[in-house]
Protein backbone atom coordinates (compact mmCIF):
# COMPACT_ATOMS: atom_id res chain seq x y z
CA UNK A 1 88.89 116.89 115.80
CA UNK A 2 89.17 116.61 119.51
CA UNK A 3 92.06 114.19 120.00
CA UNK A 4 91.99 114.61 123.77
CA UNK A 5 88.47 113.17 123.83
CA UNK A 6 89.55 110.12 121.82
CA UNK A 7 92.63 109.56 123.99
CA UNK A 8 90.61 109.92 127.19
CA UNK A 9 87.97 107.44 125.96
CA UNK A 10 90.63 104.84 125.12
CA UNK A 11 92.31 105.45 128.49
CA UNK A 12 88.97 105.04 130.30
CA UNK A 13 88.25 101.80 128.40
CA UNK A 14 91.67 100.46 129.35
CA UNK A 15 91.11 101.24 133.04
CA UNK A 16 87.60 99.77 132.91
CA UNK A 17 88.92 96.55 131.40
CA UNK A 18 91.59 96.31 134.12
CA UNK A 19 89.01 96.86 136.87
CA UNK A 20 86.64 94.36 135.23
CA UNK A 21 89.35 91.70 135.18
CA UNK A 22 89.80 92.02 138.94
CA UNK A 23 86.22 90.84 139.50
CA UNK A 24 86.50 87.26 138.33
CA UNK A 25 83.80 84.83 139.36
CA UNK A 26 83.29 81.07 139.18
CA UNK A 27 80.28 78.77 139.16
CA UNK A 28 80.06 76.70 142.35
CA UNK A 29 77.95 73.55 142.33
CA UNK A 30 78.14 69.78 142.80
CA UNK A 31 75.88 66.99 141.60
CA UNK A 32 75.97 63.24 141.08
CA UNK A 33 75.05 61.53 137.84
CA UNK A 34 71.98 62.67 135.95
CA UNK A 35 70.16 63.84 139.09
CA UNK A 36 71.86 67.20 139.59
CA UNK A 37 72.07 70.39 137.59
CA UNK A 38 75.85 70.80 137.70
CA UNK A 39 76.75 68.25 135.02
CA UNK A 40 77.34 68.59 131.30
CA UNK A 41 75.86 69.98 129.26
CA UNK A 42 75.54 72.89 131.69
CA UNK A 43 72.05 74.08 130.74
CA UNK A 44 71.92 77.45 132.47
CA UNK A 45 72.60 80.99 131.39
CA UNK A 46 75.74 82.12 133.22
CA UNK A 47 74.30 85.59 133.71
CA UNK A 48 71.43 84.20 135.85
CA UNK A 49 72.66 80.98 137.47
CA UNK A 50 70.98 81.75 140.81
CA UNK A 51 67.66 80.91 139.16
CA UNK A 52 68.50 77.21 139.58
CA UNK A 53 68.71 75.56 143.01
CA UNK A 54 72.26 74.54 143.95
CA UNK A 55 74.05 76.73 141.39
CA UNK A 56 75.93 79.70 142.83
CA UNK A 57 78.17 82.41 141.45
CA UNK A 58 81.04 83.22 143.77
CA UNK A 59 83.85 85.75 143.67
CA UNK A 60 87.18 84.10 142.91
CA UNK A 61 90.24 86.06 144.08
CA UNK A 62 92.69 83.79 142.23
CA UNK A 63 90.75 84.13 138.97
CA UNK A 64 91.15 80.38 138.33
CA UNK A 65 88.06 78.17 138.10
CA UNK A 66 87.84 74.41 137.80
CA UNK A 67 85.46 71.68 136.75
CA UNK A 68 86.09 68.28 138.30
CA UNK A 69 84.69 64.91 137.23
CA UNK A 70 84.99 62.37 140.03
CA UNK A 71 84.29 58.65 139.89
CA UNK A 72 84.42 58.29 136.13
CA UNK A 73 86.24 55.66 134.13
CA UNK A 74 89.10 56.37 131.76
CA UNK A 75 86.62 56.75 128.91
CA UNK A 76 84.67 59.41 130.88
CA UNK A 77 81.41 57.49 130.60
CA UNK A 78 78.48 59.29 132.17
CA UNK A 79 76.84 56.09 133.43
CA UNK A 80 79.53 55.26 136.01
CA UNK A 81 78.16 54.57 139.48
CA UNK A 82 78.85 57.46 141.83
CA UNK A 83 80.09 59.83 139.12
CA UNK A 84 80.02 63.44 140.31
CA UNK A 85 80.60 66.82 138.69
CA UNK A 86 81.82 69.76 140.72
CA UNK A 87 82.52 73.33 139.61
CA UNK A 88 84.55 75.57 141.91
CA UNK A 89 87.05 78.38 142.44
CA UNK A 90 90.67 77.38 142.99
CA UNK A 91 92.47 79.00 145.91
CA UNK A 92 95.71 79.01 143.92
CA UNK A 93 96.38 78.77 140.19
CA UNK A 94 98.08 75.70 138.74
CA UNK A 95 101.84 75.83 139.23
CA UNK A 96 102.47 76.31 135.50
CA UNK A 97 99.59 78.81 134.99
CA UNK A 98 98.28 76.74 132.05
CA UNK A 99 94.62 76.21 131.22
CA UNK A 100 94.08 72.49 130.60
CA UNK A 101 92.15 69.32 131.34
CA UNK A 102 93.95 66.32 132.81
CA UNK A 103 93.76 63.54 135.36
CA UNK A 104 95.06 64.67 138.73
CA UNK A 105 94.98 63.69 142.39
CA UNK A 106 92.39 65.54 144.50
CA UNK A 107 91.79 64.56 148.15
CA UNK A 108 93.63 61.28 147.59
CA UNK A 109 91.44 60.37 144.59
CA UNK A 110 92.20 60.32 140.89
CA UNK A 111 89.84 62.78 139.19
CA UNK A 112 89.55 64.42 135.78
CA UNK A 113 89.88 68.17 136.23
CA UNK A 114 89.81 71.19 133.93
CA UNK A 115 91.43 74.49 134.94
CA UNK A 116 90.56 77.83 133.36
CA UNK A 117 91.33 81.48 134.00
CA UNK A 118 88.53 83.99 133.50
CA UNK A 119 85.17 85.25 134.59
CA UNK A 120 82.68 82.34 134.82
CA UNK A 121 84.96 80.23 132.64
CA UNK A 122 83.91 76.95 134.28
CA UNK A 123 80.42 77.21 132.84
CA UNK A 124 79.55 75.86 129.43
CA UNK A 125 79.74 79.18 127.67
CA UNK A 126 81.35 82.54 128.24
CA UNK A 127 79.62 85.87 128.07
CA UNK A 128 81.97 88.60 126.97
CA UNK A 129 79.94 91.78 127.29
CA UNK A 130 83.00 93.99 127.65
CA UNK A 131 84.18 93.57 124.06
CA UNK A 132 80.77 94.62 122.70
CA UNK A 133 80.73 97.68 124.92
CA UNK A 134 84.24 98.61 123.79
CA UNK A 135 83.29 98.28 120.14
CA UNK A 136 80.12 100.37 120.48
CA UNK A 137 81.97 103.07 122.44
CA UNK A 138 84.75 103.31 119.86
CA UNK A 139 82.30 103.60 116.97
CA UNK A 140 80.20 106.16 118.83
CA UNK A 141 83.27 108.26 119.67
CA UNK A 142 84.64 108.15 116.15
CA UNK A 143 81.23 108.98 114.67
CA UNK A 144 80.82 112.04 116.91
CA UNK A 145 84.39 113.29 116.48
CA UNK A 146 84.70 113.00 112.72
């Protein structure tokens, strides 16, 4: 068995994962009520969001994304007048580095905001291609070495 090959593959996967984590992105969009495409449920595939007008994928240096619901009542009813949904990248992470949803003050308004850390985490679903690639590579390496 070639143990150096196995060690080098695991080392390469570790470095690839670290480099992949540096490239975090967030969905950026804003819409009011039922008229826009930014609200929930978020109906678009996060791998091709540019296909829809007004939905953008942007690099996020902090790695922290947010989804903000503005102009909603305490019950988070979707029929509130002037209700808006906005998805964005945060310039700085929350002070406690905790992923959560809570009411907070944003531009002197009380809004409901969710914070998350990860690539495209402020969309409805996550796509984790890296774990599948890691699994296939490990099986392929073990199959060829044994």
